[in-house]
Amino acid sequence: MTYQVHQRRMIHRGRVFDVTVENVTLSNGAIVDLEIIRHPGAAAVVPLLDNNRVLMLKQYRHAVGGFLWEIPAGTFDGSEDPLACARRELIEETGFGATDWEALGVITPVPGYSDEKIHIFLARDLAPAVQNLDQDEIIEVHTLPLAQVTAMITHGDIHDAKTVAGIFMAINALKALTP
């Protein structure tokens, strides 16, 4: 046994996630209270245009006090499956849809305090659609060469975890396609 939960308390029920405190005995015998963000899950998309250009978002994030470079992403809507979420978010945030989808994998961005899992997809064969931003989304859509995006990661201009993981997962998938 790695742990035993003795008690769970709901601290906050939010619009996007819940916060609980769990009293736990760990396998080393330590008894601790752990604050945990319970998240419904999310999907993120690396939208690849022709000539290895990526649709990137420059999105305002109040929690970090400014704009971040990101790939499109969003939280599951109810019992929505990951691909349906990815398709919806791509259109809503970029104004593009895609017909070619590839699942790249799943990441757990902050396992120290959250159970969130983000399903990452590569989207190709993009076509214009109607952008439909949520009220709290301030987003600029940019088209950048994939090589520039990787350089931005290397230089620290892109540091959003899902974006860094998604870009490198996409590069790996694209390498597998070339002989």
Protein backbone atom coordinates (compact mmCIF):
# COMPACT_ATOMS: atom_id res chain seq x y z
CA MET A 1 0.00 0.00 0.00
CA THR A 2 1.33 3.46 -0.85
CA TYR A 3 -1.34 5.43 0.98
CA GLN A 4 -4.60 5.24 2.92
CA VAL A 5 -7.13 8.09 2.84
CA HIS A 6 -8.81 8.71 6.21
CA GLN A 7 -10.86 11.79 5.39
CA ARG A 8 -11.74 14.02 2.42
CA ARG A 9 -13.06 17.56 2.84
CA MET A 10 -14.31 19.79 0.04
CA ILE A 11 -12.76 23.22 0.52
CA HIS A 12 -14.01 24.87 -2.66
CA ARG A 13 -16.32 23.85 -5.49
CA GLY A 14 -15.41 25.97 -8.51
CA ARG A 15 -16.53 26.58 -12.05
CA VAL A 16 -13.56 24.68 -13.50
CA PHE A 17 -12.13 22.59 -10.63
CA ASP A 18 -12.65 21.65 -7.00
CA VAL A 19 -10.20 21.87 -4.11
CA THR A 20 -10.17 19.14 -1.46
CA VAL A 21 -8.06 18.36 1.59
CA GLU A 22 -7.32 14.69 2.18
CA ASN A 23 -5.92 13.29 5.42
CA VAL A 24 -3.65 10.46 4.31
CA THR A 25 -1.29 7.90 5.81
CA LEU A 26 1.59 7.38 3.38
CA SER A 27 3.49 4.10 2.99
CA ASN A 28 6.33 5.51 5.12
CA GLY A 29 3.87 5.93 8.03
CA ALA A 30 3.62 9.72 7.80
CA ILE A 31 0.14 11.14 8.32
CA VAL A 32 -0.40 14.31 6.28
CA ASP A 33 -3.10 16.65 5.04
CA LEU A 34 -2.82 17.12 1.27
CA GLU A 35 -4.54 19.90 -0.65
CA ILE A 36 -5.61 18.60 -4.04
CA ILE A 37 -7.10 20.28 -7.07
CA ARG A 38 -9.62 17.89 -8.65
CA HIS A 39 -9.81 18.70 -12.36
CA PRO A 40 -12.14 17.15 -15.00
CA GLY A 41 -9.34 16.88 -17.58
CA ALA A 42 -8.41 18.81 -20.68
CA ALA A 43 -7.22 18.58 -24.27
CA ALA A 44 -4.54 20.56 -26.09
CA VAL A 45 -3.80 20.81 -29.81
CA VAL A 46 -0.69 21.40 -31.89
CA PRO A 47 -2.31 22.87 -35.06
CA LEU A 48 0.10 22.35 -37.94
CA LEU A 49 -0.34 24.23 -41.22
CA ASP A 50 1.50 23.46 -44.45
CA ASN A 51 5.27 24.09 -44.51
CA ASN A 52 5.61 23.23 -40.79
CA ARG A 53 3.93 26.39 -39.54
CA VAL A 54 2.10 26.24 -36.22
CA LEU A 55 -0.92 28.23 -35.07
CA MET A 56 0.20 29.63 -31.73
CA LEU A 57 -1.76 31.66 -29.21
CA LYS A 58 -0.53 34.63 -27.27
CA GLN A 59 -3.00 34.45 -24.41
CA TYR A 60 -3.51 36.67 -21.37
CA ARG A 61 -3.22 34.69 -18.13
CA HIS A 62 -4.20 36.73 -15.10
CA ALA A 63 -2.70 34.24 -12.61
CA VAL A 64 0.81 34.86 -14.01
CA GLY A 65 0.22 38.56 -14.69
CA GLY A 66 0.62 38.67 -18.43
CA PHE A 67 0.59 36.98 -21.81
CA LEU A 68 1.92 33.47 -22.49
CA TRP A 69 2.63 31.71 -25.76
CA GLU A 70 0.47 28.59 -25.85
CA ILE A 71 -1.08 25.93 -28.05
CA PRO A 72 -4.90 25.86 -28.06
CA ALA A 73 -6.36 23.96 -25.11
CA GLY A 74 -9.38 23.70 -22.90
CA THR A 75 -11.19 21.82 -20.18
CA PHE A 76 -13.61 18.99 -20.86
CA ASP A 77 -17.24 20.09 -21.04
CA GLY A 78 -19.02 17.57 -18.82
CA SER A 79 -18.41 14.02 -20.01
CA GLU A 80 -16.92 15.22 -23.32
CA ASP A 81 -14.24 12.91 -24.72
CA PRO A 82 -10.71 14.24 -25.30
CA LEU A 83 -10.89 14.43 -29.11
CA ALA A 84 -14.25 16.22 -29.04
CA CYS A 85 -12.77 18.75 -26.59
CA ALA A 86 -9.70 19.22 -28.81
CA ARG A 87 -11.85 19.78 -31.92
CA ARG A 88 -14.05 22.31 -30.09
CA GLU A 89 -11.16 24.23 -28.56
CA LEU A 90 -9.24 24.45 -31.84
CA ILE A 91 -12.20 26.12 -33.55
CA GLU A 92 -13.16 28.32 -30.58
CA GLU A 93 -9.65 29.65 -29.93
CA THR A 94 -8.07 29.84 -33.41
CA GLY A 95 -10.92 30.06 -35.90
CA PHE A 96 -9.65 26.91 -37.65
CA GLY A 97 -10.93 23.35 -37.81
CA ALA A 98 -9.00 20.24 -38.85
CA THR A 99 -9.77 16.95 -40.57
CA ASP A 100 -6.57 15.04 -39.73
CA TRP A 101 -6.11 14.25 -36.03
CA GLU A 102 -3.46 12.22 -34.22
CA ALA A 103 -3.38 11.52 -30.49
CA LEU A 104 0.13 12.26 -29.21
CA GLY A 105 -0.21 11.29 -25.55
CA VAL A 106 -1.29 12.44 -22.13
CA ILE A 107 0.58 14.60 -19.62
CA THR A 108 0.04 15.30 -15.92
CA PRO A 109 1.23 18.90 -15.60
CA VAL A 110 1.28 19.41 -11.82
CA PRO A 111 1.03 16.03 -10.01
CA GLY A 112 2.17 17.50 -6.69
CA TYR A 113 -1.24 19.06 -6.12
CA SER A 114 -3.61 18.26 -9.03
CA ASP A 115 -5.06 15.19 -10.75
CA GLU A 116 -5.43 17.07 -14.06
CA LYS A 117 -4.53 15.13 -17.20
CA ILE A 118 -4.13 16.87 -20.56
CA HIS A 119 -4.63 14.85 -23.74
CA ILE A 120 -2.45 16.25 -26.52
CA PHE A 121 -3.29 16.02 -30.22
CA LEU A 122 -1.66 16.95 -33.51
CA ALA A 123 -4.13 18.55 -35.94
CA ARG A 124 -3.42 18.88 -39.67
CA ASP A 125 -5.37 19.71 -42.80
CA LEU A 126 -6.64 22.94 -41.27
CA ALA A 127 -9.44 25.04 -42.74
CA PRO A 128 -10.94 28.36 -41.61
CA ALA A 129 -13.90 28.19 -39.21
CA VAL A 130 -15.63 30.71 -36.95
CA GLN A 131 -13.62 31.70 -33.88
CA ASN A 132 -15.77 31.80 -30.74
CA LEU A 133 -13.78 32.99 -27.71
CA ASP A 134 -15.11 32.66 -24.18
CA GLN A 135 -15.74 35.91 -22.30
CA ASP A 136 -12.57 35.47 -20.21
CA GLU A 137 -10.28 34.69 -23.17
CA ILE A 138 -7.98 37.37 -24.53
CA ILE A 139 -6.14 35.67 -27.38
CA GLU A 140 -4.03 36.70 -30.36
CA VAL A 141 -3.55 33.97 -32.99
CA HIS A 142 -0.13 33.86 -34.67
CA THR A 143 1.32 31.64 -37.39
CA LEU A 144 4.93 30.72 -36.61
CA PRO A 145 7.41 28.32 -38.22
CA LEU A 146 7.90 25.20 -36.09
CA ALA A 147 11.66 25.90 -35.98
CA GLN A 148 10.96 29.35 -34.50
CA VAL A 149 8.62 27.83 -31.89
CA THR A 150 11.31 25.36 -30.77
CA ALA A 151 13.85 28.21 -30.62
CA MET A 152 11.40 30.20 -28.47
CA ILE A 153 11.16 27.22 -26.10
CA THR A 154 14.96 26.93 -25.96
CA HIS A 155 15.33 30.65 -25.20
CA GLY A 156 12.61 30.61 -22.51
CA ASP A 157 10.07 32.69 -24.44
CA ILE A 158 7.67 29.74 -24.33
CA HIS A 159 7.43 28.08 -20.92
CA ASP A 160 3.84 26.87 -20.66
CA ALA A 161 4.15 23.17 -19.77
CA LYS A 162 1.46 21.79 -22.08
CA THR A 163 2.87 23.80 -24.97
CA VAL A 164 6.46 22.66 -24.43
CA ALA A 165 5.34 19.04 -24.11
CA GLY A 166 2.94 19.27 -27.04
CA ILE A 167 5.47 20.80 -29.42
CA PHE A 168 8.10 18.16 -28.66
CA MET A 169 5.53 15.35 -28.84
CA ALA A 170 4.47 16.67 -32.26
CA ILE A 171 8.07 16.89 -33.47
CA ASN A 172 8.59 13.29 -32.39
CA ALA A 173 5.45 12.16 -34.22
CA LEU A 174 6.48 14.05 -37.37
CA LYS A 175 9.95 12.44 -37.30
CA ALA A 176 8.27 9.01 -37.22
CA LEU A 177 6.51 9.90 -40.51
CA THR A 178 9.70 10.73 -42.42
CA PRO A 179 11.75 7.88 -43.88
